[in-house]
Amino acid sequence: RELVAHITSGGTRNYPDSVKGRFTISRDNAK
């Protein structure tokens, strides 16, 4: 299992090179 996207409580995003530029992580705290 590998990490493909991560987002902190403050909204900072991280991606590995394999998906960077193609994948986007986002969050909706209200939902």
Full PDB file with SEQRES, HELIX, SHEET, SSBOND, CRYST1, ORIGX, SCALE, CONECT and MASTER records, all heavy atoms in Angstrom:
SEQRES   1 A   31  ARG GLU LEU VAL ALA HIS ILE THR SER GLY GLY THR ARG          
SEQRES   2 A   31  ASN TYR PRO ASP SER VAL LYS GLY ARG PHE THR ILE SER          
SEQRES   3 A   31  ARG ASP ASN ALA LYS                                          
SHEET    1 AA1 2 HIS A   6  ILE A   7  0                                        
SHEET    2 AA1 2 ARG A  13  ASN A  14 -1                                        
CRYST1    1.000    1.000    1.000  90.00  90.00  90.00 P 1           1          
ORIGX1      1.000000  0.000000  0.000000        0.00000                         
ORIGX2      0.000000  1.000000  0.000000        0.00000                         
ORIGX3      0.000000  0.000000  1.000000        0.00000                         
SCALE1      1.000000  0.000000  0.000000        0.00000                         
SCALE2      0.000000  1.000000  0.000000        0.00000                         
SCALE3      0.000000  0.000000  1.000000        0.00000                         
ATOM      1  N   ARG A   1       0.835  -1.185   0.000  1.00  0.00           N  
ATOM      2  CA  ARG A   1       0.000   0.000   0.000  1.00  0.00           C  
ATOM      3  C   ARG A   1       0.880   1.249   0.000  1.00  0.00           C  
ATOM      4  O   ARG A   1       1.866   1.328   0.740  1.00  0.00           O  
ATOM      5  CB  ARG A   1      -0.923  -0.010   1.217  1.00  0.00           C  
ATOM      6  CG  ARG A   1      -1.942   1.109   1.242  1.00  0.00           C  
ATOM      7  CD  ARG A   1      -2.934   0.939   2.396  1.00  0.00           C  
ATOM      8  NE  ARG A   1      -3.686  -0.310   2.289  1.00  0.00           N  
ATOM      9  CZ  ARG A   1      -4.707  -0.627   3.083  1.00  0.00           C  
ATOM     10  NH1 ARG A   1      -5.096   0.206   4.037  1.00  0.00           N  
ATOM     11  NH2 ARG A   1      -5.328  -1.790   2.916  1.00  0.00           N  
ATOM     12  N   GLU A   2       0.530   2.226  -0.825  1.00  0.00           N  
ATOM     13  CA  GLU A   2       1.316   3.435  -0.937  1.00  0.00           C  
ATOM     14  C   GLU A   2       0.435   4.664  -0.810  1.00  0.00           C  
ATOM     15  O   GLU A   2      -0.724   4.672  -1.217  1.00  0.00           O  
ATOM     16  CB  GLU A   2       2.075   3.483  -2.269  1.00  0.00           C  
ATOM     17  CG  GLU A   2       1.174   3.547  -3.493  1.00  0.00           C  
ATOM     18  CD  GLU A   2       1.934   3.766  -4.784  1.00  0.00           C  
ATOM     19  OE1 GLU A   2       3.083   4.263  -4.734  1.00  0.00           O  
ATOM     20  OE2 GLU A   2       1.386   3.437  -5.859  1.00  0.00           O  
ATOM     21  N   LEU A   3       0.997   5.709  -0.253  1.00  0.00           N  
ATOM     22  CA  LEU A   3       0.313   6.981  -0.131  1.00  0.00           C  
ATOM     23  C   LEU A   3       0.269   7.673  -1.487  1.00  0.00           C  
ATOM     24  O   LEU A   3       1.282   7.762  -2.179  1.00  0.00           O  
ATOM     25  CB  LEU A   3       1.026   7.865   0.890  1.00  0.00           C  
ATOM     26  CG  LEU A   3       0.457   9.265   1.102  1.00  0.00           C  
ATOM     27  CD1 LEU A   3      -0.860   9.196   1.865  1.00  0.00           C  
ATOM     28  CD2 LEU A   3       1.453  10.145   1.853  1.00  0.00           C  
ATOM     29  N   VAL A   4      -0.905   8.185  -1.857  1.00  0.00           N  
ATOM     30  CA  VAL A   4      -1.035   8.916  -3.114  1.00  0.00           C  
ATOM     31  C   VAL A   4      -1.408  10.377  -2.905  1.00  0.00           C  
ATOM     32  O   VAL A   4      -1.231  11.185  -3.815  1.00  0.00           O  
ATOM     33  CB  VAL A   4      -2.048   8.246  -4.069  1.00  0.00           C  
ATOM     34  CG1 VAL A   4      -1.554   6.860  -4.472  1.00  0.00           C  
ATOM     35  CG2 VAL A   4      -3.429   8.157  -3.433  1.00  0.00           C  
ATOM     36  N   ALA A   5      -1.925  10.723  -1.746  1.00  0.00           N  
ATOM     37  CA  ALA A   5      -2.280  12.112  -1.473  1.00  0.00           C  
ATOM     38  C   ALA A   5      -2.513  12.297   0.017  1.00  0.00           C  
ATOM     39  O   ALA A   5      -3.019  11.397   0.689  1.00  0.00           O  
ATOM     40  CB  ALA A   5      -3.526  12.532  -2.251  1.00  0.00           C  
ATOM     41  N   HIS A   6      -2.161  13.476   0.511  1.00  0.00           N  
ATOM     42  CA  HIS A   6      -2.316  13.770   1.926  1.00  0.00           C  
ATOM     43  C   HIS A   6      -2.655  15.241   2.085  1.00  0.00           C  
ATOM     44  O   HIS A   6      -2.110  16.091   1.369  1.00  0.00           O  
ATOM     45  CB  HIS A   6      -1.021  13.435   2.687  1.00  0.00           C  
ATOM     46  CG  HIS A   6      -1.093  13.679   4.159  1.00  0.00           C  
ATOM     47  ND1 HIS A   6      -0.720  14.880   4.736  1.00  0.00           N  
ATOM     48  CD2 HIS A   6      -1.496  12.879   5.185  1.00  0.00           C  
ATOM     49  CE1 HIS A   6      -0.888  14.817   6.038  1.00  0.00           C  
ATOM     50  NE2 HIS A   6      -1.353  13.614   6.335  1.00  0.00           N  
ATOM     51  N   ILE A   7      -3.548  15.536   3.021  1.00  0.00           N  
ATOM     52  CA  ILE A   7      -3.910  16.923   3.296  1.00  0.00           C  
ATOM     53  C   ILE A   7      -4.017  17.108   4.800  1.00  0.00           C  
ATOM     54  O   ILE A   7      -4.668  16.337   5.497  1.00  0.00           O  
ATOM     55  CB  ILE A   7      -5.223  17.320   2.578  1.00  0.00           C  
ATOM     56  CG1 ILE A   7      -5.533  18.799   2.808  1.00  0.00           C  
ATOM     57  CG2 ILE A   7      -6.385  16.436   3.021  1.00  0.00           C  
ATOM     58  CD1 ILE A   7      -6.645  19.324   1.900  1.00  0.00           C  
ATOM     59  N   THR A   8      -3.363  18.139   5.312  1.00  0.00           N  
ATOM     60  CA  THR A   8      -3.368  18.416   6.740  1.00  0.00           C  
ATOM     61  C   THR A   8      -4.628  19.174   7.123  1.00  0.00           C  
ATOM     62  O   THR A   8      -5.413  19.607   6.279  1.00  0.00           O  
ATOM     63  CB  THR A   8      -2.136  19.237   7.142  1.00  0.00           C  
ATOM     64  OG1 THR A   8      -2.241  20.553   6.591  1.00  0.00           O  
ATOM     65  CG2 THR A   8      -0.854  18.578   6.652  1.00  0.00           C  
ATOM     66  N   SER A   9      -4.815  19.349   8.428  1.00  0.00           N  
ATOM     67  CA  SER A   9      -5.965  20.103   8.903  1.00  0.00           C  
ATOM     68  C   SER A   9      -5.927  21.550   8.432  1.00  0.00           C  
ATOM     69  O   SER A   9      -6.975  22.187   8.300  1.00  0.00           O  
ATOM     70  CB  SER A   9      -6.030  20.061  10.429  1.00  0.00           C  
ATOM     71  OG  SER A   9      -4.863  20.625  11.010  1.00  0.00           O  
ATOM     72  N   GLY A  10      -4.728  22.065   8.171  1.00  0.00           N  
ATOM     73  CA  GLY A  10      -4.570  23.423   7.678  1.00  0.00           C  
ATOM     74  C   GLY A  10      -4.654  23.559   6.178  1.00  0.00           C  
ATOM     75  O   GLY A  10      -4.558  24.677   5.658  1.00  0.00           O  
ATOM     76  N   GLY A  11      -4.812  22.446   5.457  1.00  0.00           N  
ATOM     77  CA  GLY A  11      -4.971  22.494   4.017  1.00  0.00           C  
ATOM     78  C   GLY A  11      -3.704  22.281   3.216  1.00  0.00           C  
ATOM     79  O   GLY A  11      -3.724  22.434   1.985  1.00  0.00           O  
ATOM     80  N   THR A  12      -2.599  21.926   3.859  1.00  0.00           N  
ATOM     81  CA  THR A  12      -1.362  21.651   3.143  1.00  0.00           C  
ATOM     82  C   THR A  12      -1.441  20.295   2.462  1.00  0.00           C  
ATOM     83  O   THR A  12      -1.766  19.295   3.094  1.00  0.00           O  
ATOM     84  CB  THR A  12      -0.160  21.690   4.090  1.00  0.00           C  
ATOM     85  OG1 THR A  12      -0.074  22.980   4.694  1.00  0.00           O  
ATOM     86  CG2 THR A  12       1.133  21.408   3.332  1.00  0.00           C  
ATOM     87  N   ARG A  13      -1.121  20.258   1.171  1.00  0.00           N  
ATOM     88  CA  ARG A  13      -1.236  19.040   0.374  1.00  0.00           C  
ATOM     89  C   ARG A  13       0.130  18.479   0.000  1.00  0.00           C  
ATOM     90  O   ARG A  13       1.072  19.226  -0.253  1.00  0.00           O  
ATOM     91  CB  ARG A  13      -2.036  19.312  -0.900  1.00  0.00           C  
ATOM     92  CG  ARG A  13      -3.477  19.746  -0.648  1.00  0.00           C  
ATOM     93  CD  ARG A  13      -4.118  20.246  -1.929  1.00  0.00           C  
ATOM     94  NE  ARG A  13      -5.556  20.491  -1.777  1.00  0.00           N  
ATOM     95  CZ  ARG A  13      -6.080  21.606  -1.283  1.00  0.00           C  
ATOM     96  NH1 ARG A  13      -5.288  22.585  -0.867  1.00  0.00           N  
ATOM     97  NH2 ARG A  13      -7.393  21.735  -1.191  1.00  0.00           N  
ATOM     98  N   ASN A  14       0.218  17.160  -0.049  1.00  0.00           N  
ATOM     99  CA  ASN A  14       1.429  16.466  -0.451  1.00  0.00           C  
ATOM    100  C   ASN A  14       1.082  15.308  -1.371  1.00  0.00           C  
ATOM    101  O   ASN A  14       0.096  14.613  -1.153  1.00  0.00           O  
ATOM    102  CB  ASN A  14       2.197  15.950   0.769  1.00  0.00           C  
ATOM    103  CG  ASN A  14       2.750  17.060   1.630  1.00  0.00           C  
ATOM    104  OD1 ASN A  14       2.182  17.390   2.673  1.00  0.00           O  
ATOM    105  ND2 ASN A  14       3.860  17.634   1.204  1.00  0.00           N  
ATOM    106  N   TYR A  15       1.921  15.098  -2.410  1.00  0.00           N  
ATOM    107  CA  TYR A  15       1.724  14.026  -3.367  1.00  0.00           C  
ATOM    108  C   TYR A  15       3.062  13.404  -3.721  1.00  0.00           C  
ATOM    109  O   TYR A  15       4.074  14.106  -3.788  1.00  0.00           O  
ATOM    110  CB  TYR A  15       1.092  14.529  -4.670  1.00  0.00           C  
ATOM    111  CG  TYR A  15      -0.151  15.365  -4.515  1.00  0.00           C  
ATOM    112  CD1 TYR A  15      -0.076  16.748  -4.430  1.00  0.00           C  
ATOM    113  CD2 TYR A  15      -1.409  14.766  -4.492  1.00  0.00           C  
ATOM    114  CE1 TYR A  15      -1.216  17.521  -4.314  1.00  0.00           C  
ATOM    115  CE2 TYR A  15      -2.557  15.538  -4.371  1.00  0.00           C  
ATOM    116  CZ  TYR A  15      -2.451  16.913  -4.281  1.00  0.00           C  
ATOM    117  OH  TYR A  15      -3.590  17.674  -4.166  1.00  0.00           O  
ATOM    118  N   PRO A  16       3.089  12.105  -3.977  1.00  0.00           N  
ATOM    119  CA  PRO A  16       4.310  11.509  -4.517  1.00  0.00           C  
ATOM    120  C   PRO A  16       4.469  11.882  -5.985  1.00  0.00           C  
ATOM    121  O   PRO A  16       3.508  12.300  -6.642  1.00  0.00           O  
ATOM    122  CB  PRO A  16       4.070  10.006  -4.343  1.00  0.00           C  
ATOM    123  CG  PRO A  16       2.586   9.863  -4.437  1.00  0.00           C  
ATOM    124  CD  PRO A  16       2.027  11.105  -3.778  1.00  0.00           C  
ATOM    125  N   ASP A  17       5.681  11.738  -6.512  1.00  0.00           N  
ATOM    126  CA  ASP A  17       5.945  12.115  -7.890  1.00  0.00           C  
ATOM    127  C   ASP A  17       5.086  11.344  -8.889  1.00  0.00           C  
ATOM    128  O   ASP A  17       4.782  11.854  -9.972  1.00  0.00           O  
ATOM    129  CB  ASP A  17       7.424  11.911  -8.223  1.00  0.00           C  
ATOM    130  CG  ASP A  17       8.315  12.903  -7.503  1.00  0.00           C  
ATOM    131  OD1 ASP A  17       7.818  13.957  -7.077  1.00  0.00           O  
ATOM    132  OD2 ASP A  17       9.522  12.620  -7.378  1.00  0.00           O  
ATOM    133  N   SER A  18       4.680  10.138  -8.540  1.00  0.00           N  
ATOM    134  CA  SER A  18       3.929   9.309  -9.462  1.00  0.00           C  
ATOM    135  C   SER A  18       2.561   9.879  -9.825  1.00  0.00           C  
ATOM    136  O   SER A  18       2.022   9.562 -10.884  1.00  0.00           O  
ATOM    137  CB  SER A  18       3.761   7.895  -8.895  1.00  0.00           C  
ATOM    138  OG  SER A  18       3.076   7.929  -7.652  1.00  0.00           O  
ATOM    139  N   VAL A  19       1.992  10.718  -8.954  1.00  0.00           N  
ATOM    140  CA  VAL A  19       0.667  11.276  -9.214  1.00  0.00           C  
ATOM    141  C   VAL A  19       0.655  12.797  -9.233  1.00  0.00           C  
ATOM    142  O   VAL A  19      -0.374  13.388  -9.577  1.00  0.00           O  
ATOM    143  CB  VAL A  19      -0.367  10.779  -8.186  1.00  0.00           C  
ATOM    144  CG1 VAL A  19      -0.347   9.259  -8.096  1.00  0.00           C  
ATOM    145  CG2 VAL A  19      -0.130  11.400  -6.817  1.00  0.00           C  
ATOM    146  N   LYS A  20       1.754  13.425  -8.893  1.00  0.00           N  
ATOM    147  CA  LYS A  20       1.813  14.878  -8.828  1.00  0.00           C  
ATOM    148  C   LYS A  20       1.457  15.492 -10.175  1.00  0.00           C  
ATOM    149  O   LYS A  20       1.966  15.091 -11.217  1.00  0.00           O  
ATOM    150  CB  LYS A  20       3.203  15.325  -8.385  1.00  0.00           C  
ATOM    151  CG  LYS A  20       3.299  16.794  -8.002  1.00  0.00           C  
ATOM    152  CD  LYS A  20       4.670  17.109  -7.409  1.00  0.00           C  
ATOM    153  CE  LYS A  20       4.924  16.295  -6.157  1.00  0.00           C  
ATOM    154  NZ  LYS A  20       6.245  16.600  -5.547  1.00  0.00           N  
ATOM    155  N   GLY A  21       0.558  16.471 -10.142  1.00  0.00           N  
ATOM    156  CA  GLY A  21       0.096  17.116 -11.351  1.00  0.00           C  
ATOM    157  C   GLY A  21      -1.119  16.466 -11.968  1.00  0.00           C  
ATOM    158  O   GLY A  21      -1.752  17.059 -12.848  1.00  0.00           O  
ATOM    159  N   ARG A  22      -1.449  15.260 -11.542  1.00  0.00           N  
ATOM    160  CA  ARG A  22      -2.610  14.547 -12.076  1.00  0.00           C  
ATOM    161  C   ARG A  22      -3.716  14.371 -11.040  1.00  0.00           C  
ATOM    162  O   ARG A  22      -4.891  14.377 -11.393  1.00  0.00           O  
ATOM    163  CB  ARG A  22      -2.202  13.168 -12.605  1.00  0.00           C  
ATOM    164  CG  ARG A  22      -1.169  13.216 -13.717  1.00  0.00           C  
ATOM    165  CD  ARG A  22      -0.941  11.835 -14.324  1.00  0.00           C  
ATOM    166  NE  ARG A  22      -0.420  10.875 -13.349  1.00  0.00           N  
ATOM    167  CZ  ARG A  22      -1.052   9.752 -12.991  1.00  0.00           C  
ATOM    168  NH1 ARG A  22      -2.235   9.450 -13.534  1.00  0.00           N  
ATOM    169  NH2 ARG A  22      -0.507   8.926 -12.116  1.00  0.00           N  
ATOM    170  N   PHE A  23      -3.339  14.182  -9.783  1.00  0.00           N  
ATOM    171  CA  PHE A  23      -4.302  13.961  -8.705  1.00  0.00           C  
ATOM    172  C   PHE A  23      -4.403  15.204  -7.834  1.00  0.00           C  
ATOM    173  O   PHE A  23      -3.407  15.909  -7.614  1.00  0.00           O  
ATOM    174  CB  PHE A  23      -3.881  12.784  -7.820  1.00  0.00           C  
ATOM    175  CG  PHE A  23      -3.992  11.425  -8.468  1.00  0.00           C  
ATOM    176  CD1 PHE A  23      -4.224  11.291  -9.830  1.00  0.00           C  
ATOM    177  CD2 PHE A  23      -3.862  10.281  -7.701  1.00  0.00           C  
ATOM    178  CE1 PHE A  23      -4.324  10.043 -10.423  1.00  0.00           C  
ATOM    179  CE2 PHE A  23      -3.959   9.027  -8.279  1.00  0.00           C  
ATOM    180  CZ  PHE A  23      -4.190   8.907  -9.638  1.00  0.00           C  
ATOM    181  N   THR A  24      -5.592  15.452  -7.313  1.00  0.00           N  
ATOM    182  CA  THR A  24      -5.817  16.563  -6.398  1.00  0.00           C  
ATOM    183  C   THR A  24      -6.678  16.102  -5.230  1.00  0.00           C  
ATOM    184  O   THR A  24      -7.764  15.560  -5.433  1.00  0.00           O  
ATOM    185  CB  THR A  24      -6.511  17.746  -7.098  1.00  0.00           C  
ATOM    186  OG1 THR A  24      -5.732  18.191  -8.208  1.00  0.00           O  
ATOM    187  CG2 THR A  24      -6.685  18.901  -6.118  1.00  0.00           C  
ATOM    188  N   ILE A  25      -6.178  16.308  -4.021  1.00  0.00           N  
ATOM    189  CA  ILE A  25      -6.941  15.979  -2.827  1.00  0.00           C  
ATOM    190  C   ILE A  25      -7.580  17.254  -2.286  1.00  0.00           C  
ATOM    191  O   ILE A  25      -6.975  18.328  -2.330  1.00  0.00           O  
ATOM    192  CB  ILE A  25      -6.058  15.303  -1.755  1.00  0.00           C  
ATOM    193  CG1 ILE A  25      -6.910  14.814  -0.582  1.00  0.00           C  
ATOM    194  CG2 ILE A  25      -4.951  16.235  -1.273  1.00  0.00           C  
ATOM    195  CD1 ILE A  25      -6.134  13.960   0.425  1.00  0.00           C  
ATOM    196  N   SER A  26      -8.794  17.140  -1.787  1.00  0.00           N  
ATOM    197  CA  SER A  26      -9.486  18.271  -1.197  1.00  0.00           C  
ATOM    198  C   SER A  26     -10.357  17.772  -0.053  1.00  0.00           C  
ATOM    199  O   SER A  26     -10.602  16.569   0.083  1.00  0.00           O  
ATOM    200  CB  SER A  26     -10.327  19.019  -2.239  1.00  0.00           C  
ATOM    201  OG  SER A  26     -11.319  18.172  -2.801  1.00  0.00           O  
ATOM    202  N   ARG A  27     -10.824  18.698   0.771  1.00  0.00           N  
ATOM    203  CA  ARG A  27     -11.635  18.318   1.914  1.00  0.00           C  
ATOM    204  C   ARG A  27     -12.763  19.311   2.117  1.00  0.00           C  
ATOM    205  O   ARG A  27     -12.641  20.499   1.794  1.00  0.00           O  
ATOM    206  CB  ARG A  27     -10.778  18.212   3.186  1.00  0.00           C  
ATOM    207  CG  ARG A  27     -10.072  19.504   3.571  1.00  0.00           C  
ATOM    208  CD  ARG A  27      -9.070  19.269   4.698  1.00  0.00           C  
ATOM    209  NE  ARG A  27      -9.730  18.974   5.960  1.00  0.00           N  
ATOM    210  CZ  ARG A  27      -9.137  18.410   7.009  1.00  0.00           C  
ATOM    211  NH1 ARG A  27      -7.861  18.050   6.924  1.00  0.00           N  
ATOM    212  NH2 ARG A  27      -9.810  18.191   8.126  1.00  0.00           N  
ATOM    213  N   ASP A  28     -13.859  18.823   2.658  1.00  0.00           N  
ATOM    214  CA  ASP A  28     -15.005  19.632   3.019  1.00  0.00           C  
ATOM    215  C   ASP A  28     -15.339  19.275   4.456  1.00  0.00           C  
ATOM    216  O   ASP A  28     -16.006  18.278   4.725  1.00  0.00           O  
ATOM    217  CB  ASP A  28     -16.190  19.374   2.092  1.00  0.00           C  
ATOM    218  CG  ASP A  28     -17.346  20.323   2.331  1.00  0.00           C  
ATOM    219  OD1 ASP A  28     -17.468  20.867   3.452  1.00  0.00           O  
ATOM    220  OD2 ASP A  28     -18.143  20.537   1.402  1.00  0.00           O  
ATOM    221  N   ASN A  29     -14.855  20.075   5.384  1.00  0.00           N  
ATOM    222  CA  ASN A  29     -15.033  19.763   6.796  1.00  0.00           C  
ATOM    223  C   ASN A  29     -16.505  19.774   7.210  1.00  0.00           C  
ATOM    224  O   ASN A  29     -16.907  19.011   8.089  1.00  0.00           O  
ATOM    225  CB  ASN A  29     -14.251  20.753   7.656  1.00  0.00           C  
ATOM    226  CG  ASN A  29     -12.750  20.578   7.532  1.00  0.00           C  
ATOM    227  OD1 ASN A  29     -12.265  19.495   7.218  1.00  0.00           O  
ATOM    228  ND2 ASN A  29     -12.005  21.641   7.787  1.00  0.00           N  
ATOM    229  N   ALA A  30     -17.305  20.631   6.591  1.00  0.00           N  
ATOM    230  CA  ALA A  30     -18.726  20.693   6.921  1.00  0.00           C  
ATOM    231  C   ALA A  30     -19.444  19.400   6.583  1.00  0.00           C  
ATOM    232  O   ALA A  30     -20.445  19.057   7.211  1.00  0.00           O  
ATOM    233  CB  ALA A  30     -19.389  21.871   6.216  1.00  0.00           C  
ATOM    234  N   LYS A  31     -18.942  18.683   5.579  1.00  0.00           N  
ATOM    235  CA  LYS A  31     -19.540  17.420   5.161  1.00  0.00           C  
ATOM    236  C   LYS A  31     -18.756  16.212   5.641  1.00  0.00           C  
ATOM    237  O   LYS A  31     -19.104  15.078   5.306  1.00  0.00           O  
ATOM    238  CB  LYS A  31     -19.659  17.369   3.636  1.00  0.00           C  
ATOM    239  CG  LYS A  31     -20.574  18.428   3.050  1.00  0.00           C  
ATOM    240  CD  LYS A  31     -20.653  18.300   1.534  1.00  0.00           C  
ATOM    241  CE  LYS A  31     -21.589  19.327   0.940  1.00  0.00           C  
ATOM    242  NZ  LYS A  31     -21.671  19.223  -0.539  1.00  0.00           N  
TER     243      LYS A  31                                                      
MASTER        0    0    0    0    2    0    0    6  242    1    0    3          
END                                                                             
